[in-house]
């Protein structure tokens, strides 16, 4: 016969307890899979950006355009700061009619090259 001490160490689990334990294990597995998926996605984005950056530095016009588009799409101040971009102007609310932005008439090649991270040998 089992003594009370043995029963306390090895109590029988109910079906509900077993089910709850299995559900917890399943949640941990799903969490781990999602975490690995996020890490893989992050790594893929880093590698892709590094490839575009390298091609832009090497003079690939398509890569330069892609790089410029990416920079132009940065809206959050902390994202813009990472690339040395100034913060976006804060829109001033007024009762007057909004002014439409005019297309830039100058040559942007010099500006774009300035936005690419330096290689140290320019």
N, C-alpha and C. Protein backbone atom coordinates (compact mmCIF):
# COMPACT_ATOMS: atom_id res chain seq x y z
N UNK A 1 0.82 -1.18 0.00
CA UNK A 1 0.00 0.00 0.00
C UNK A 1 0.86 1.25 0.00
N UNK A 2 0.32 2.28 -0.64
CA UNK A 2 1.02 3.56 -0.67
C UNK A 2 0.79 4.29 0.64
N UNK A 3 1.86 4.85 1.12
CA UNK A 3 1.75 5.68 2.32
C UNK A 3 1.29 7.06 1.89
N UNK A 4 0.77 7.89 2.81
CA UNK A 4 0.34 9.24 2.44
C UNK A 4 1.47 10.05 1.82
N UNK A 5 2.72 9.79 2.23
CA UNK A 5 3.85 10.52 1.66
C UNK A 5 4.01 10.22 0.18
N UNK A 6 3.87 8.95 -0.20
CA UNK A 6 4.01 8.56 -1.60
C UNK A 6 2.88 9.14 -2.42
N UNK A 7 1.67 9.14 -1.90
CA UNK A 7 0.54 9.70 -2.62
C UNK A 7 0.73 11.20 -2.87
N UNK A 8 1.29 11.90 -1.92
CA UNK A 8 1.51 13.34 -2.07
C UNK A 8 2.53 13.62 -3.17
N UNK A 9 3.52 12.75 -3.32
CA UNK A 9 4.54 12.95 -4.35
C UNK A 9 4.04 12.53 -5.73
N UNK A 10 3.10 11.62 -5.80
CA UNK A 10 2.67 11.08 -7.08
C UNK A 10 1.14 11.08 -7.16
N UNK A 11 0.55 12.27 -7.11
CA UNK A 11 -0.91 12.29 -7.18
C UNK A 11 -1.38 11.98 -8.60
N UNK A 12 -2.54 11.41 -8.73
CA UNK A 12 -3.08 11.11 -10.06
C UNK A 12 -3.65 12.39 -10.64
N UNK A 13 -3.41 12.58 -11.92
CA UNK A 13 -3.92 13.77 -12.59
C UNK A 13 -5.28 13.47 -13.19
N UNK A 14 -6.14 14.47 -13.14
CA UNK A 14 -7.44 14.33 -13.77
C UNK A 14 -7.30 14.59 -15.26
N UNK A 15 -8.33 14.23 -16.01
CA UNK A 15 -8.32 14.47 -17.45
C UNK A 15 -8.16 15.96 -17.74
N UNK A 16 -8.81 16.79 -16.92
CA UNK A 16 -8.73 18.25 -17.12
C UNK A 16 -7.30 18.75 -16.89
N UNK A 17 -6.64 18.21 -15.89
CA UNK A 17 -5.26 18.61 -15.61
C UNK A 17 -4.34 18.17 -16.75
N UNK A 18 -4.57 16.96 -17.23
CA UNK A 18 -3.75 16.46 -18.36
C UNK A 18 -3.99 17.34 -19.58
N UNK A 19 -5.27 17.64 -19.85
CA UNK A 19 -5.60 18.48 -21.00
C UNK A 19 -4.97 19.86 -20.86
N UNK A 20 -5.05 20.44 -19.66
CA UNK A 20 -4.46 21.77 -19.43
C UNK A 20 -2.95 21.74 -19.65
N UNK A 21 -2.30 20.69 -19.19
CA UNK A 21 -0.86 20.55 -19.38
C UNK A 21 -0.49 20.43 -20.84
N UNK A 22 -1.27 19.66 -21.59
CA UNK A 22 -1.01 19.52 -23.03
C UNK A 22 -1.24 20.84 -23.77
N UNK A 23 -2.28 21.58 -23.36
CA UNK A 23 -2.54 22.86 -24.00
C UNK A 23 -1.41 23.85 -23.73
N UNK A 24 -0.85 23.81 -22.52
CA UNK A 24 0.29 24.68 -22.21
C UNK A 24 1.49 24.32 -23.07
N UNK A 25 1.74 23.02 -23.22
CA UNK A 25 2.87 22.59 -24.06
C UNK A 25 2.66 23.04 -25.50
N UNK A 26 1.41 22.89 -26.00
CA UNK A 26 1.10 23.31 -27.36
C UNK A 26 1.31 24.81 -27.52
N UNK A 27 0.90 25.61 -26.54
CA UNK A 27 1.10 27.06 -26.59
C UNK A 27 2.58 27.41 -26.63
N UNK A 28 3.38 26.70 -25.82
CA UNK A 28 4.83 26.96 -25.82
C UNK A 28 5.44 26.62 -27.17
N UNK A 29 5.00 25.52 -27.76
CA UNK A 29 5.51 25.12 -29.08
C UNK A 29 5.13 26.17 -30.12
N UNK A 30 3.88 26.61 -30.11
CA UNK A 30 3.43 27.63 -31.07
C UNK A 30 4.19 28.93 -30.88
N UNK A 31 4.41 29.32 -29.62
CA UNK A 31 5.17 30.54 -29.34
C UNK A 31 6.58 30.42 -29.89
N UNK A 32 7.22 29.28 -29.67
CA UNK A 32 8.59 29.06 -30.15
C UNK A 32 8.63 29.12 -31.68
N UNK A 33 7.63 28.52 -32.35
CA UNK A 33 7.58 28.55 -33.81
C UNK A 33 7.41 29.98 -34.32
N UNK A 34 6.52 30.75 -33.68
CA UNK A 34 6.32 32.15 -34.10
C UNK A 34 7.60 32.96 -33.90
N UNK A 35 8.28 32.71 -32.79
CA UNK A 35 9.52 33.42 -32.50
C UNK A 35 10.58 33.11 -33.57
N UNK A 36 10.69 31.84 -33.94
CA UNK A 36 11.64 31.45 -34.99
C UNK A 36 11.25 32.05 -36.33
N UNK A 37 9.95 32.10 -36.61
CA UNK A 37 9.47 32.69 -37.85
C UNK A 37 9.80 34.19 -37.92
N UNK A 38 9.60 34.90 -36.80
CA UNK A 38 9.94 36.33 -36.76
C UNK A 38 11.44 36.53 -36.95
N UNK A 39 12.24 35.68 -36.34
CA UNK A 39 13.70 35.80 -36.47
C UNK A 39 14.12 35.56 -37.92
N UNK A 40 13.50 34.58 -38.57
CA UNK A 40 13.82 34.29 -39.97
C UNK A 40 13.43 35.46 -40.87
N UNK A 41 12.26 36.02 -40.62
CA UNK A 41 11.81 37.17 -41.41
C UNK A 41 12.74 38.36 -41.22
N UNK A 42 13.13 38.61 -39.99
CA UNK A 42 14.05 39.71 -39.71
C UNK A 42 15.37 39.50 -40.42
N UNK A 43 15.89 38.30 -40.35
CA UNK A 43 17.17 37.98 -41.01
C UNK A 43 17.05 38.17 -42.52
N UNK A 44 15.94 37.72 -43.10
CA UNK A 44 15.73 37.86 -44.54
C UNK A 44 15.72 39.34 -44.93
N UNK A 45 15.04 40.18 -44.14
CA UNK A 45 14.99 41.62 -44.43
C UNK A 45 16.36 42.27 -44.32
N UNK A 46 17.14 41.86 -43.34
CA UNK A 46 18.49 42.40 -43.17
C UNK A 46 19.36 42.04 -44.36
N UNK A 47 19.29 40.79 -44.78
CA UNK A 47 20.11 40.33 -45.91
C UNK A 47 19.69 41.05 -47.19
N UNK A 48 18.38 41.20 -47.41
CA UNK A 48 17.90 41.88 -48.62
C UNK A 48 18.35 43.34 -48.64
N UNK A 49 18.21 44.03 -47.51
CA UNK A 49 18.63 45.43 -47.45
C UNK A 49 20.13 45.57 -47.66
N UNK A 50 20.89 44.65 -47.09
CA UNK A 50 22.34 44.69 -47.26
C UNK A 50 22.72 44.48 -48.73
N UNK A 51 22.00 43.60 -49.40
CA UNK A 51 22.29 43.35 -50.82
C UNK A 51 21.98 44.59 -51.66
N UNK A 52 20.84 45.21 -51.40
CA UNK A 52 20.48 46.42 -52.15
C UNK A 52 21.48 47.54 -51.86
N UNK A 53 21.86 47.67 -50.61
CA UNK A 53 22.85 48.70 -50.24
C UNK A 53 24.17 48.46 -50.97
N UNK A 54 24.63 47.23 -50.99
CA UNK A 54 25.90 46.91 -51.65
C UNK A 54 25.82 47.19 -53.15
N UNK A 55 24.71 46.81 -53.78
CA UNK A 55 24.56 47.06 -55.22
C UNK A 55 24.49 48.55 -55.50
N UNK A 56 23.81 49.31 -54.63
CA UNK A 56 23.72 50.77 -54.83
C UNK A 56 25.10 51.40 -54.71
N UNK A 57 25.88 50.96 -53.73
CA UNK A 57 27.24 51.48 -53.58
C UNK A 57 28.11 51.14 -54.78
N UNK A 58 27.82 49.99 -55.40
CA UNK A 58 28.61 49.56 -56.56
C UNK A 58 28.18 50.27 -57.84
N UNK A 59 27.11 51.09 -57.76
CA UNK A 59 26.72 51.88 -58.92
C UNK A 59 25.51 51.36 -59.67
N UNK A 60 24.85 50.35 -59.20
CA UNK A 60 23.66 49.81 -59.86
C UNK A 60 22.51 50.83 -59.74
N UNK A 61 22.07 51.36 -60.89
CA UNK A 61 21.04 52.41 -60.88
C UNK A 61 19.72 51.91 -60.31
N UNK A 62 19.34 50.67 -60.65
CA UNK A 62 18.08 50.13 -60.11
C UNK A 62 18.15 50.01 -58.59
N UNK A 63 19.29 49.58 -58.09
CA UNK A 63 19.46 49.45 -56.65
C UNK A 63 19.45 50.83 -55.99
N UNK A 64 20.05 51.82 -56.65
CA UNK A 64 20.02 53.19 -56.10
C UNK A 64 18.59 53.70 -56.00
N UNK A 65 17.79 53.43 -57.06
CA UNK A 65 16.39 53.86 -57.03
C UNK A 65 15.63 53.14 -55.92
N UNK A 66 15.89 51.85 -55.76
CA UNK A 66 15.22 51.09 -54.69
C UNK A 66 15.62 51.64 -53.33
N UNK A 67 16.91 51.93 -53.16
CA UNK A 67 17.41 52.49 -51.90
C UNK A 67 16.73 53.83 -51.61
N UNK A 68 16.67 54.69 -52.64
CA UNK A 68 16.04 56.00 -52.47
C UNK A 68 14.56 55.87 -52.13
N UNK A 69 13.89 54.92 -52.76
CA UNK A 69 12.47 54.71 -52.46
C UNK A 69 12.29 54.25 -51.03
N UNK A 70 13.17 53.38 -50.59
CA UNK A 70 13.10 52.89 -49.22
C UNK A 70 13.29 54.04 -48.25
N UNK A 71 14.29 54.88 -48.50
CA UNK A 71 14.54 56.03 -47.62
C UNK A 71 13.36 57.00 -47.63
N UNK A 72 12.79 57.22 -48.80
CA UNK A 72 11.66 58.14 -48.91
C UNK A 72 10.44 57.61 -48.14
N UNK A 73 10.35 56.31 -47.98
CA UNK A 73 9.21 55.72 -47.29
C UNK A 73 9.34 55.73 -45.77
N UNK A 74 10.50 56.11 -45.27
CA UNK A 74 10.69 56.12 -43.81
C UNK A 74 9.94 57.31 -43.22
N UNK A 75 9.03 57.04 -42.30
CA UNK A 75 8.22 58.09 -41.71
C UNK A 75 8.52 58.29 -40.22
N UNK A 76 8.86 57.24 -39.51
CA UNK A 76 9.10 57.35 -38.08
C UNK A 76 10.45 58.02 -37.82
N UNK A 77 10.49 58.98 -36.90
CA UNK A 77 11.75 59.70 -36.62
C UNK A 77 12.91 58.77 -36.28
N UNK A 78 12.66 57.73 -35.50
CA UNK A 78 13.75 56.83 -35.11
C UNK A 78 14.27 56.04 -36.31
N UNK A 79 13.41 55.73 -37.29
CA UNK A 79 13.86 55.05 -38.49
C UNK A 79 14.69 55.98 -39.36
N UNK A 80 14.24 57.22 -39.50
CA UNK A 80 14.96 58.19 -40.31
C UNK A 80 16.33 58.49 -39.70
N UNK A 81 16.38 58.55 -38.38
CA UNK A 81 17.63 58.84 -37.69
C UNK A 81 18.69 57.77 -37.96
N UNK A 82 18.28 56.52 -38.05
CA UNK A 82 19.22 55.42 -38.31
C UNK A 82 19.99 55.66 -39.61
N UNK A 83 19.32 56.29 -40.59
CA UNK A 83 19.95 56.52 -41.89
C UNK A 83 20.46 57.95 -42.04
N UNK A 84 20.49 58.69 -40.96
CA UNK A 84 21.02 60.05 -41.01
C UNK A 84 20.11 61.02 -41.73
N UNK A 85 18.83 60.72 -41.78
CA UNK A 85 17.87 61.61 -42.43
C UNK A 85 17.27 62.57 -41.42
N UNK A 86 16.95 63.78 -41.86
CA UNK A 86 16.31 64.72 -40.93
C UNK A 86 14.87 64.29 -40.66
N UNK A 87 14.32 64.71 -39.54
CA UNK A 87 12.92 64.38 -39.27
C UNK A 87 12.02 65.02 -40.32
N UNK A 88 10.89 64.41 -40.55
CA UNK A 88 9.92 64.99 -41.48
C UNK A 88 9.33 66.24 -40.85
N UNK A 89 9.00 67.24 -41.66
CA UNK A 89 8.40 68.45 -41.10
C UNK A 89 7.02 68.12 -40.51
N UNK A 90 6.72 68.79 -39.41
CA UNK A 90 5.41 68.60 -38.78
C UNK A 90 4.41 69.44 -39.54
N UNK A 91 3.33 68.82 -40.01
CA UNK A 91 2.35 69.61 -40.76
C UNK A 91 1.68 70.65 -39.85
N UNK A 92 1.59 71.86 -40.38
CA UNK A 92 0.96 72.95 -39.64
C UNK A 92 -0.48 73.03 -40.11
N UNK A 93 -1.39 72.91 -39.16
CA UNK A 93 -2.80 73.00 -39.52
C UNK A 93 -3.20 74.46 -39.63
N UNK A 94 -3.81 74.77 -40.75
CA UNK A 94 -4.29 76.14 -40.94
C UNK A 94 -5.64 76.07 -41.63
N UNK A 95 -6.30 77.18 -41.64
CA UNK A 95 -7.61 77.22 -42.27
C UNK A 95 -7.51 77.50 -43.76
N UNK A 96 -6.32 77.79 -44.24
CA UNK A 96 -6.15 78.07 -45.66
C UNK A 96 -6.11 76.78 -46.45
N UNK A 97 -6.22 76.91 -47.74
CA UNK A 97 -6.20 75.77 -48.64
C UNK A 97 -4.82 75.12 -48.59
N UNK A 98 -4.75 73.78 -48.48
CA UNK A 98 -3.43 73.12 -48.44
C UNK A 98 -2.65 73.37 -49.74
N UNK A 99 -1.36 73.53 -49.60
CA UNK A 99 -0.47 73.77 -50.73
C UNK A 99 -0.01 72.43 -51.26
N UNK A 100 -0.13 72.25 -52.57
CA UNK A 100 0.33 71.02 -53.20
C UNK A 100 1.85 71.08 -53.36
N UNK A 101 2.52 69.98 -53.04
CA UNK A 101 3.97 69.93 -53.22
C UNK A 101 4.29 69.94 -54.70
N UNK A 102 5.30 70.72 -55.05
CA UNK A 102 5.73 70.79 -56.44
C UNK A 102 6.86 69.80 -56.68
N UNK A 103 6.89 69.17 -57.84
CA UNK A 103 7.99 68.25 -58.12
C UNK A 103 9.32 69.00 -58.13
N UNK A 104 10.35 68.34 -57.64
CA UNK A 104 11.68 68.93 -57.60
C UNK A 104 12.23 69.05 -59.01
N UNK A 105 12.74 70.21 -59.35
CA UNK A 105 13.25 70.45 -60.70
C UNK A 105 14.75 70.23 -60.82
N UNK A 106 15.44 70.08 -59.70
CA UNK A 106 16.89 69.95 -59.73
C UNK A 106 17.34 68.52 -59.99
N UNK A 107 18.61 68.33 -59.91
CA UNK A 107 19.23 67.04 -60.15
C UNK A 107 19.49 66.38 -58.79
N UNK A 108 18.91 65.21 -58.55
CA UNK A 108 18.99 64.58 -57.23
C UNK A 108 20.11 63.56 -57.10
N UNK A 109 20.89 63.33 -58.13
CA UNK A 109 21.92 62.28 -58.04
C UNK A 109 22.89 62.54 -56.90
N UNK A 110 23.33 63.80 -56.73
CA UNK A 110 24.27 64.09 -55.65
C UNK A 110 23.62 63.83 -54.30
N UNK A 111 22.36 64.20 -54.16
CA UNK A 111 21.67 63.99 -52.89
C UNK A 111 21.56 62.49 -52.60
N UNK A 112 21.21 61.73 -53.61
CA UNK A 112 21.07 60.28 -53.40
C UNK A 112 22.39 59.66 -52.98
N UNK A 113 23.45 60.06 -53.60
CA UNK A 113 24.74 59.49 -53.23
C UNK A 113 25.09 59.85 -51.79
N UNK A 114 24.67 61.04 -51.38
CA UNK A 114 24.93 61.45 -49.99
C UNK A 114 24.15 60.59 -49.01
N UNK A 115 23.04 60.02 -49.41
CA UNK A 115 22.19 59.23 -48.52
C UNK A 115 22.70 57.80 -48.37
N UNK A 116 23.53 57.36 -49.31
CA UNK A 116 24.09 56.01 -49.20
C UNK A 116 25.16 56.02 -48.11
N UNK A 117 25.19 54.99 -47.30
CA UNK A 117 26.24 54.93 -46.28
C UNK A 117 27.61 54.94 -46.95
N UNK A 118 28.54 55.64 -46.35
CA UNK A 118 29.87 55.77 -46.96
C UNK A 118 30.64 54.46 -46.83
N UNK A 119 31.49 54.21 -47.82
CA UNK A 119 32.32 53.01 -47.78
C UNK A 119 33.70 53.32 -47.21
N UNK A 120 33.97 54.58 -47.02
CA UNK A 120 35.26 54.97 -46.48
C UNK A 120 36.32 55.18 -47.54
N UNK A 121 36.02 54.82 -48.80
CA UNK A 121 37.01 54.98 -49.86
C UNK A 121 36.45 55.81 -51.02
N UNK A 122 35.65 56.81 -50.72
CA UNK A 122 35.08 57.64 -51.78
C UNK A 122 35.94 58.84 -52.02
